[in-house]
Amino acid sequence: MSGTGEKSAVDRAGMPEAQDSDGIRDKAYELCKEYLNGAWRTITRNQLVVRQVSGGLSNLLYYCALPEGQLPVNNEPSKVLLRIYGQTHGEKVLEMKCVTECVIFTLLSESNRGPRLYGIFPGGRLEEYIPARPLTTEELSDDDVSLLIADAVAQIHSMQVPISKEPRWLWDTIERWLRDMENHMRAGEISPNKLALIEDIINRDLKQELRWLRNYLSSVHSPVVFCHNDLQEGNILMKENVSDNTNHLTVIDFEYCAYNYRGFDLANHFCESMYDYKNENFPYFWARPENYPSPEKQERFVRRYLSSLEGGNCSDEEVKKVLGEIRAYTLASHMFWGIWSVINSIISNISFDYWRYGEARFTAYFQHKSAILRDEETELLLDDPLLTKTDTEDCLQLSTSSRSSSLIETN
């Protein structure tokens, strides 16, 4: 990640505990002197400009610069971004995530599709500092910005990355989190008042629900591509002071990147339009389902995405297929972040109401599932040659009434 933004309130919220100012100044001074050389070796510790610019769930970011009036000696940068990784607690899966993210960052840097990389060291790296700001939730729905995002997503999906091409990440991650959640519950680490917030979710058989979801999505053909898997507004930076011919956007934070189903990445991005993490008051987010992209905005995005991906025009059939992938994988997005929220509510000290966020995502999951099943029933009824028009209308009315009643009960 570079620039002035990391995952905003949002990593999906908050900031890890910062290191003391003297400690980080000493560390930044030694790292910049060792890896950047040139003018950085001529300044004193106290002359170094150090400022914490942002923080997320797992990383600390610092702006480091030469003092005013101090010019570079050779081609070394005058300012950089220092990233300090959070603790991995020795978990191999988390350590591997750090390695993967470094590989991706290096590839983007060398291909001029991301910030330059100035140094990798145990526990972090030095990156190019890009004057930029994270997008707002509202900008995700802006027509012009949305098309630029579609171009950026197509570019990511066309990357060839030297990591496993098997699409195991999504299900492996969900199943691991589900096991962790059950272990915490068995250990009595969740207070009764917190459990009450998602009692309806806890009382459901999530393992069975996950089996249903995997089976349902197995019938949806979605290409496996390199995915970002967290395309929310805080991970998309708008560059400052760029020409009209320059790409204005930079996608950052590849913490969750993996080869995955295209439908998940696109659906997850659309879902982010409904959740605004800039709320400074409890519960520190707003859930606004009405802000989900309209059918027209979805189609416009997908057409631009496909055109950018394929280098030309795309057919209506292709657009329809991708929209179908998005609709189906919206379920996976809600399930993924719903379980993520429960886990973080237990282990995180960040000021963010993970419980209510998880409740919002699970509620959206079951509402969307009901809508999908209702529409599939409708299609079956309309395709049944043995039913008369009157029979069909009666069945549709009964189906709608039944689904509405069921939805009320689950909420």
Protein backbone atom coordinates (compact mmCIF):
# COMPACT_ATOMS: atom_id res chain seq x y z
CA MET A 1 0.00 0.00 0.00
CA SER A 2 1.22 3.38 -0.69
CA GLY A 3 0.16 6.93 -0.75
CA THR A 4 -1.78 8.48 2.10
CA GLY A 5 -4.39 5.79 2.35
CA GLU A 6 -4.48 2.28 3.72
CA LYS A 7 -7.74 0.52 4.42
CA SER A 8 -9.68 3.32 5.97
CA ALA A 9 -11.73 2.93 9.14
CA VAL A 10 -11.87 0.15 7.49
CA ASP A 11 -9.23 -2.01 7.39
CA ARG A 12 -12.41 -2.16 7.84
CA ALA A 13 -11.72 0.10 10.71
CA GLY A 14 -9.32 1.67 13.00
CA MET A 15 -5.66 1.48 13.73
CA PRO A 16 -3.34 -0.94 15.52
CA GLU A 17 -1.38 0.25 18.51
CA ALA A 18 1.36 2.57 17.27
CA GLN A 19 4.98 2.18 18.30
CA ASP A 20 6.42 4.93 20.50
CA SER A 21 7.64 7.96 18.54
CA ASP A 22 11.28 7.64 19.63
CA GLY A 23 11.36 3.95 18.77
CA ILE A 24 9.90 4.41 15.31
CA ARG A 25 12.18 7.40 14.60
CA ASP A 26 15.24 5.32 15.43
CA LYS A 27 14.01 2.45 13.28
CA ALA A 28 13.03 4.68 10.36
CA TYR A 29 16.36 6.50 10.47
CA GLU A 30 18.41 3.31 10.35
CA LEU A 31 16.29 1.75 7.60
CA CYS A 32 16.28 4.83 5.37
CA LYS A 33 20.02 5.29 5.80
CA GLU A 34 20.73 1.64 4.98
CA TYR A 35 18.35 1.13 2.05
CA LEU A 36 18.14 4.56 0.42
CA ASN A 37 21.75 5.73 0.80
CA GLY A 38 22.78 9.11 -0.70
CA ALA A 39 21.47 12.14 1.19
CA TRP A 40 19.78 9.90 3.74
CA ARG A 41 23.25 9.06 5.12
CA THR A 42 24.15 12.71 5.64
CA ILE A 43 21.25 13.76 7.88
CA THR A 44 20.93 13.26 11.61
CA ARG A 45 18.27 11.27 13.42
CA ASN A 46 16.49 14.44 14.53
CA GLN A 47 16.50 15.93 11.02
CA LEU A 48 14.51 13.03 9.62
CA VAL A 49 10.87 13.90 8.98
CA VAL A 50 8.62 11.11 10.30
CA ARG A 51 4.84 11.18 10.42
CA GLN A 52 2.31 8.39 10.84
CA VAL A 53 -0.07 8.73 7.91
CA SER A 54 -2.46 5.85 8.38
CA GLY A 55 -2.97 2.49 9.94
CA GLY A 56 -5.04 -0.59 9.40
CA LEU A 57 -5.74 -3.87 11.06
CA SER A 58 -2.32 -5.30 10.43
CA ASN A 59 0.13 -2.60 9.31
CA LEU A 60 1.56 0.72 10.46
CA LEU A 61 2.45 3.31 7.82
CA TYR A 62 4.87 6.22 8.19
CA TYR A 63 5.78 9.08 5.88
CA CYS A 64 9.56 9.59 5.95
CA ALA A 65 11.28 12.52 4.23
CA LEU A 66 14.52 14.44 3.98
CA PRO A 67 14.43 17.78 5.82
CA GLU A 68 13.35 20.85 3.86
CA GLY A 69 16.19 22.16 1.70
CA GLN A 70 18.05 18.83 1.67
CA LEU A 71 18.39 17.66 -1.93
CA PRO A 72 19.03 14.07 -3.07
CA VAL A 73 22.64 13.26 -3.96
CA ASN A 74 21.95 10.80 -6.76
CA ASN A 75 18.60 9.36 -7.79
CA GLU A 76 17.42 8.40 -4.32
CA PRO A 77 13.91 9.53 -3.38
CA SER A 78 13.39 12.53 -1.11
CA LYS A 79 10.39 10.93 0.59
CA VAL A 80 9.17 7.36 1.08
CA LEU A 81 6.50 5.33 2.82
CA LEU A 82 7.66 3.00 5.59
CA ARG A 83 5.42 -0.01 6.18
CA ILE A 84 5.74 -2.00 9.40
CA TYR A 85 3.89 -5.32 9.34
CA GLY A 86 1.74 -6.41 12.23
CA GLN A 87 2.44 -9.57 14.20
CA THR A 88 1.79 -12.88 12.44
CA HIS A 89 1.85 -14.84 15.72
CA GLY A 90 3.89 -17.52 13.97
CA GLU A 91 0.94 -18.75 11.94
CA LYS A 92 2.24 -20.13 8.66
CA VAL A 93 -0.82 -19.02 6.72
CA LEU A 94 -0.30 -15.41 7.85
CA GLU A 95 3.43 -15.51 7.20
CA MET A 96 2.70 -16.81 3.71
CA LYS A 97 0.30 -13.91 3.15
CA CYS A 98 3.14 -11.46 3.86
CA VAL A 99 5.41 -13.26 1.38
CA THR A 100 2.68 -13.31 -1.28
CA GLU A 101 1.92 -9.63 -0.83
CA CYS A 102 5.62 -8.77 -1.19
CA VAL A 103 5.81 -10.79 -4.41
CA ILE A 104 2.77 -8.98 -5.81
CA PHE A 105 4.08 -5.60 -4.76
CA THR A 106 7.43 -6.31 -6.44
CA LEU A 107 5.75 -7.39 -9.69
CA LEU A 108 3.58 -4.27 -9.76
CA SER A 109 6.59 -2.09 -9.02
CA GLU A 110 8.75 -3.60 -11.76
CA SER A 111 5.95 -3.31 -14.33
CA ASN A 112 5.25 0.34 -13.38
CA ARG A 113 1.71 -0.58 -12.39
CA GLY A 114 2.22 0.23 -8.74
CA PRO A 115 4.43 2.21 -6.36
CA ARG A 116 8.19 1.68 -6.62
CA LEU A 117 9.79 -0.66 -4.12
CA TYR A 118 12.88 0.73 -2.36
CA GLY A 119 13.59 -1.94 0.19
CA ILE A 120 12.37 -5.14 1.82
CA PHE A 121 13.47 -5.99 5.34
CA PRO A 122 12.27 -8.42 8.02
CA GLY A 123 9.03 -6.94 9.28
CA GLY A 124 8.28 -4.46 6.54
CA ARG A 125 9.32 -2.54 3.44
CA LEU A 126 10.09 0.93 2.05
CA GLU A 127 7.81 2.09 -0.77
CA GLU A 128 7.37 5.04 -3.06
CA TYR A 129 5.23 7.73 -1.49
CA ILE A 130 2.45 8.74 -3.87
CA PRO A 131 0.39 11.83 -3.01
CA ALA A 132 -3.09 10.36 -3.17
CA ARG A 133 -6.28 9.87 -1.23
CA PRO A 134 -8.56 6.86 -0.83
CA LEU A 135 -11.88 7.00 -2.65
CA THR A 136 -15.08 7.63 -0.75
CA THR A 137 -17.91 5.12 -0.72
CA GLU A 138 -19.99 7.54 -2.80
CA GLU A 139 -17.31 7.69 -5.49
CA LEU A 140 -17.62 3.95 -6.10
CA SER A 141 -20.97 4.76 -7.74
CA ASP A 142 -19.73 7.79 -9.67
CA ASP A 143 -20.07 7.00 -13.38
CA ASP A 144 -16.62 8.27 -14.40
CA VAL A 145 -14.77 6.82 -11.41
CA SER A 146 -16.57 3.49 -11.78
CA LEU A 147 -15.25 3.10 -15.33
CA LEU A 148 -11.70 3.78 -14.15
CA ILE A 149 -12.14 1.12 -11.47
CA ALA A 150 -13.39 -1.33 -14.12
CA ASP A 151 -10.18 -0.72 -16.10
CA ALA A 152 -8.06 -1.29 -12.99
CA VAL A 153 -9.87 -4.52 -12.10
CA ALA A 154 -9.42 -5.82 -15.65
CA GLN A 155 -5.71 -5.10 -15.40
CA ILE A 156 -5.45 -7.04 -12.14
CA HIS A 157 -7.42 -9.97 -13.53
CA SER A 158 -5.08 -10.20 -16.52
CA MET A 159 -1.96 -10.53 -14.36
CA GLN A 160 0.07 -13.72 -14.31
CA VAL A 161 1.43 -14.19 -10.81
CA PRO A 162 3.83 -16.95 -9.60
CA ILE A 163 1.55 -18.30 -6.88
CA SER A 164 -0.81 -21.29 -6.78
CA LYS A 165 -3.43 -21.13 -9.51
CA GLU A 166 -5.81 -23.45 -7.67
CA PRO A 167 -8.89 -21.54 -6.42
CA ARG A 168 -8.67 -22.88 -2.88
CA TRP A 169 -8.27 -19.55 -1.09
CA LEU A 170 -11.94 -18.64 -0.73
CA TRP A 171 -13.20 -21.90 0.76
CA ASP A 172 -10.04 -22.64 2.74
CA THR A 173 -10.21 -19.23 4.39
CA ILE A 174 -13.91 -19.43 5.22
CA GLU A 175 -13.54 -22.94 6.65
CA ARG A 176 -10.51 -21.92 8.73
CA TRP A 177 -12.39 -18.92 10.16
CA LEU A 178 -15.43 -21.09 10.85
CA ARG A 179 -13.28 -23.53 12.83
CA ASP A 180 -11.73 -20.64 14.75
CA MET A 181 -15.16 -19.20 15.52
CA GLU A 182 -16.40 -22.54 16.85
CA ASN A 183 -13.26 -22.96 18.97
CA HIS A 184 -13.72 -19.52 20.54
CA MET A 185 -17.36 -20.30 21.28
CA ARG A 186 -16.53 -23.64 22.88
CA ALA A 187 -13.88 -21.95 25.01
CA GLY A 188 -16.48 -19.51 26.31
CA GLU A 189 -14.58 -16.52 24.94
CA ILE A 190 -17.70 -14.76 23.66
CA SER A 191 -19.86 -12.86 26.14
CA PRO A 192 -23.63 -13.60 26.21
CA ASN A 193 -24.55 -10.03 25.27
CA LYS A 194 -22.40 -10.25 22.15
CA LEU A 195 -23.80 -13.63 21.22
CA ALA A 196 -27.31 -12.19 21.49
CA LEU A 197 -26.53 -9.79 18.63
CA ILE A 198 -26.13 -12.65 16.18
CA GLU A 199 -28.16 -15.31 17.99
CA ASP A 200 -30.09 -16.07 14.81
CA ILE A 201 -26.82 -16.63 12.94
CA ILE A 202 -25.27 -18.74 15.70
CA ASN A 203 -28.39 -20.92 15.86
CA ARG A 204 -28.10 -21.71 12.17
CA ASP A 205 -25.94 -24.58 11.01
CA LEU A 206 -23.27 -22.52 9.25
CA LYS A 207 -21.38 -25.65 8.20
CA GLN A 208 -24.49 -26.86 6.42
CA GLU A 209 -25.03 -23.39 4.98
CA LEU A 210 -21.47 -23.39 3.67
CA ARG A 211 -22.02 -26.80 2.05
CA TRP A 212 -25.16 -25.44 0.36
CA LEU A 213 -23.27 -22.37 -0.86
CA ARG A 214 -20.38 -24.39 -2.29
CA ASN A 215 -22.79 -26.69 -4.06
CA TYR A 216 -24.80 -23.77 -5.44
CA LEU A 217 -21.73 -21.92 -6.72
CA SER A 218 -20.31 -25.10 -8.26
CA SER A 219 -23.02 -24.76 -10.90
CA VAL A 220 -21.95 -21.19 -11.70
CA HIS A 221 -19.07 -21.11 -14.18
CA SER A 222 -16.81 -18.23 -13.24
CA PRO A 223 -13.24 -18.08 -14.61
CA VAL A 224 -10.37 -18.37 -12.15
CA VAL A 225 -8.16 -15.28 -12.37
CA PHE A 226 -5.75 -13.40 -10.16
CA CYS A 227 -8.02 -11.45 -7.79
CA HIS A 228 -7.53 -8.64 -5.31
CA ASN A 229 -10.46 -9.91 -3.19
CA ASP A 230 -10.93 -6.67 -1.22
CA LEU A 231 -11.75 -3.92 -3.72
CA GLN A 232 -13.31 -1.48 -1.29
CA GLU A 233 -12.92 2.29 -1.45
CA GLY A 234 -10.07 2.46 1.07
CA ASN A 235 -7.93 0.26 -1.18
CA ILE A 236 -8.35 2.41 -4.29
CA LEU A 237 -6.34 5.64 -4.32
CA MET A 238 -7.04 8.71 -6.43
CA LYS A 239 -3.70 10.25 -7.38
CA GLU A 240 -3.12 13.96 -7.03
CA ASN A 241 -1.63 16.22 -9.71
CA VAL A 242 -1.71 13.77 -12.62
CA SER A 243 -2.25 14.55 -16.29
CA ASP A 244 -5.37 13.54 -18.19
CA ASN A 245 -3.38 10.83 -19.99
CA THR A 246 -2.29 9.18 -16.75
CA ASN A 247 -4.18 6.51 -14.87
CA HIS A 248 -5.71 8.40 -11.96
CA LEU A 249 -6.25 5.32 -9.79
CA THR A 250 -3.91 3.00 -7.94
CA VAL A 251 -5.17 -0.20 -6.32
CA ILE A 252 -3.39 -0.97 -3.07
CA ASP A 253 -3.28 -3.53 -0.26
CA PHE A 254 -3.04 -7.00 -1.76
CA GLU A 255 -3.34 -8.65 1.65
CA TYR A 256 -6.16 -10.95 0.47
CA CYS A 257 -4.96 -11.49 -3.10
CA ALA A 258 -5.13 -14.98 -4.56
CA TYR A 259 -6.27 -16.84 -7.64
CA ASN A 260 -10.02 -16.92 -7.18
CA TYR A 261 -13.30 -16.90 -9.04
CA ARG A 262 -13.81 -13.70 -11.03
CA GLY A 263 -17.39 -13.45 -9.82
CA PHE A 264 -16.28 -13.06 -6.21
CA ASP A 265 -13.95 -10.12 -6.88
CA LEU A 266 -16.58 -8.25 -8.91
CA ALA A 267 -19.45 -9.06 -6.55
CA ASN A 268 -17.39 -8.06 -3.54
CA HIS A 269 -16.63 -4.69 -5.14
CA PHE A 270 -20.30 -4.02 -5.82
CA CYS A 271 -21.20 -4.98 -2.23
CA GLU A 272 -18.80 -2.36 -0.88
CA SER A 273 -21.10 0.35 -2.22
CA MET A 274 -23.49 -0.57 0.60
CA TYR A 275 -21.04 -0.16 3.48
CA ASP A 276 -19.49 3.16 4.49
CA TYR A 277 -16.71 2.91 7.08
CA LYS A 278 -16.27 6.64 7.70
CA ASN A 279 -18.76 6.82 10.56
CA GLU A 280 -16.83 8.29 13.50
CA ASN A 281 -19.51 7.23 15.96
CA PHE A 282 -20.69 3.81 17.12
CA PRO A 283 -20.99 1.37 15.36
CA TYR A 284 -18.37 3.07 13.13
CA PHE A 285 -20.00 2.15 9.83
CA TRP A 286 -23.22 2.70 7.93
CA ALA A 287 -25.07 -0.11 6.13
CA ARG A 288 -26.98 1.34 3.18
CA PRO A 289 -28.39 -1.44 0.97
CA GLU A 290 -30.14 1.16 -1.19
CA ASN A 291 -26.74 2.26 -2.50
CA TYR A 292 -26.07 -1.05 -4.27
CA PRO A 293 -25.36 -0.28 -7.96
CA SER A 294 -28.46 -0.10 -10.14
CA PRO A 295 -28.80 -2.60 -13.03
CA GLU A 296 -27.73 0.18 -15.42
CA LYS A 297 -24.60 0.96 -13.41
CA GLN A 298 -23.76 -2.74 -13.12
CA GLU A 299 -24.06 -3.24 -16.87
CA ARG A 300 -21.97 -0.15 -17.62
CA PHE A 301 -19.22 -1.37 -15.29
CA VAL A 302 -19.21 -4.89 -16.70
CA ARG A 303 -19.13 -3.68 -20.32
CA ARG A 304 -16.13 -1.48 -19.57
CA TYR A 305 -14.44 -4.30 -17.65
CA LEU A 306 -14.87 -6.78 -20.51
CA SER A 307 -13.84 -4.25 -23.15
CA SER A 308 -10.70 -3.42 -21.21
CA LEU A 309 -9.98 -7.09 -20.59
CA GLU A 310 -10.51 -8.19 -24.19
CA GLY A 311 -9.33 -5.05 -25.95
CA GLY A 312 -12.54 -4.50 -27.88
CA ASN A 313 -16.28 -4.69 -27.86
CA CYS A 314 -18.13 -7.34 -25.88
CA SER A 315 -21.40 -9.08 -26.64
CA ASP A 316 -24.63 -8.75 -24.69
CA GLU A 317 -24.36 -12.45 -23.90
CA GLU A 318 -20.95 -11.96 -22.27
CA VAL A 319 -22.27 -9.09 -20.18
CA LYS A 320 -25.27 -11.14 -19.07
CA LYS A 321 -23.01 -14.03 -18.06
CA VAL A 322 -20.75 -11.84 -15.91
CA LEU A 323 -23.75 -10.20 -14.26
CA GLY A 324 -25.00 -13.70 -13.41
CA GLU A 325 -21.63 -14.54 -11.83
CA ILE A 326 -21.81 -11.38 -9.75
CA ARG A 327 -25.32 -12.10 -8.53
CA ALA A 328 -24.37 -15.60 -7.43
CA TYR A 329 -21.04 -14.72 -5.81
CA THR A 330 -22.62 -11.89 -3.84
CA LEU A 331 -23.59 -14.67 -1.44
CA ALA A 332 -19.94 -15.65 -1.01
CA SER A 333 -18.95 -12.05 -0.30
CA HIS A 334 -21.52 -11.69 2.48
CA MET A 335 -20.62 -15.07 3.97
CA PHE A 336 -16.87 -14.31 3.83
CA TRP A 337 -17.03 -10.95 5.59
CA GLY A 338 -19.75 -12.10 7.96
CA ILE A 339 -17.53 -14.82 9.43
CA TRP A 340 -14.51 -12.49 9.28
CA SER A 341 -16.43 -10.03 11.45
CA VAL A 342 -17.24 -12.59 14.13
CA ILE A 343 -13.57 -13.64 14.32
CA ASN A 344 -12.35 -10.04 14.55
CA SER A 345 -14.91 -9.19 17.20
CA ILE A 346 -13.17 -11.75 19.40
CA ILE A 347 -9.50 -11.04 18.68
CA SER A 348 -9.41 -7.35 17.70
CA ASN A 349 -9.09 -4.34 20.01
CA ILE A 350 -10.02 -1.86 17.29
CA SER A 351 -12.91 0.53 17.91
CA PHE A 352 -15.29 -0.96 15.40
CA ASP A 353 -18.51 -2.87 16.04
CA TYR A 354 -17.61 -6.09 14.26
CA TRP A 355 -20.67 -7.79 15.73
CA ARG A 356 -23.12 -5.41 14.13
CA TYR A 357 -21.14 -5.43 10.90
CA GLY A 358 -21.28 -9.22 10.89
CA GLU A 359 -25.00 -9.07 11.60
CA ALA A 360 -25.44 -6.71 8.64
CA ARG A 361 -23.52 -9.03 6.29
CA PHE A 362 -25.31 -12.20 7.40
CA THR A 363 -28.69 -10.46 7.13
CA ALA A 364 -27.78 -9.40 3.59
CA TYR A 365 -26.68 -12.97 2.83
CA PHE A 366 -29.98 -14.56 3.79
CA GLN A 367 -32.03 -11.83 2.12
CA HIS A 368 -30.06 -12.28 -1.11
CA LYS A 369 -30.37 -16.05 -0.88
CA SER A 370 -34.15 -15.74 -0.50
CA ALA A 371 -34.31 -13.47 -3.55
CA ILE A 372 -32.26 -15.90 -5.65
CA LEU A 373 -34.36 -18.91 -4.66
CA ARG A 374 -37.56 -16.98 -5.27
CA ASP A 375 -36.42 -15.96 -8.75
CA GLU A 376 -35.35 -19.52 -9.58
CA GLU A 377 -38.79 -20.78 -8.54
CA THR A 378 -40.37 -18.13 -10.75
CA GLU A 379 -38.30 -19.23 -13.75
CA LEU A 380 -39.30 -22.86 -13.21
CA LEU A 381 -42.96 -21.90 -13.04
CA LEU A 382 -42.79 -19.81 -16.18
CA ASP A 383 -41.05 -22.63 -18.04
CA ASP A 384 -43.57 -25.31 -17.02
CA PRO A 385 -45.65 -26.13 -20.13
CA LEU A 386 -48.29 -27.98 -18.07
CA LEU A 387 -49.39 -24.91 -16.13
CA THR A 388 -52.02 -22.54 -17.45
CA LYS A 389 -51.60 -18.78 -17.14
CA THR A 390 -53.99 -18.73 -14.17
CA ASP A 391 -52.16 -21.61 -12.47
CA THR A 392 -48.85 -19.81 -12.92
CA GLU A 393 -50.15 -16.54 -11.49
CA ASP A 394 -51.61 -18.34 -8.47
CA CYS A 395 -48.36 -20.20 -7.82
CA LEU A 396 -46.29 -17.04 -8.17
CA GLN A 397 -48.50 -15.23 -5.68
CA LEU A 398 -48.22 -18.12 -3.22
CA SER A 399 -44.45 -18.34 -3.68
CA THR A 400 -43.96 -14.62 -3.10
CA SER A 401 -46.15 -14.68 0.01
CA SER A 402 -44.29 -17.69 1.40
CA ARG A 403 -40.87 -16.16 0.80
CA SER A 404 -41.86 -12.83 2.35
CA SER A 405 -43.06 -14.61 5.49
CA SER A 406 -39.84 -16.62 5.69
CA LEU A 407 -37.72 -13.50 5.28
CA ILE A 408 -39.54 -11.72 8.10
CA GLU A 409 -38.92 -14.69 10.40
CA THR A 410 -35.18 -14.74 9.71
CA ASN A 411 -34.83 -11.08 10.51
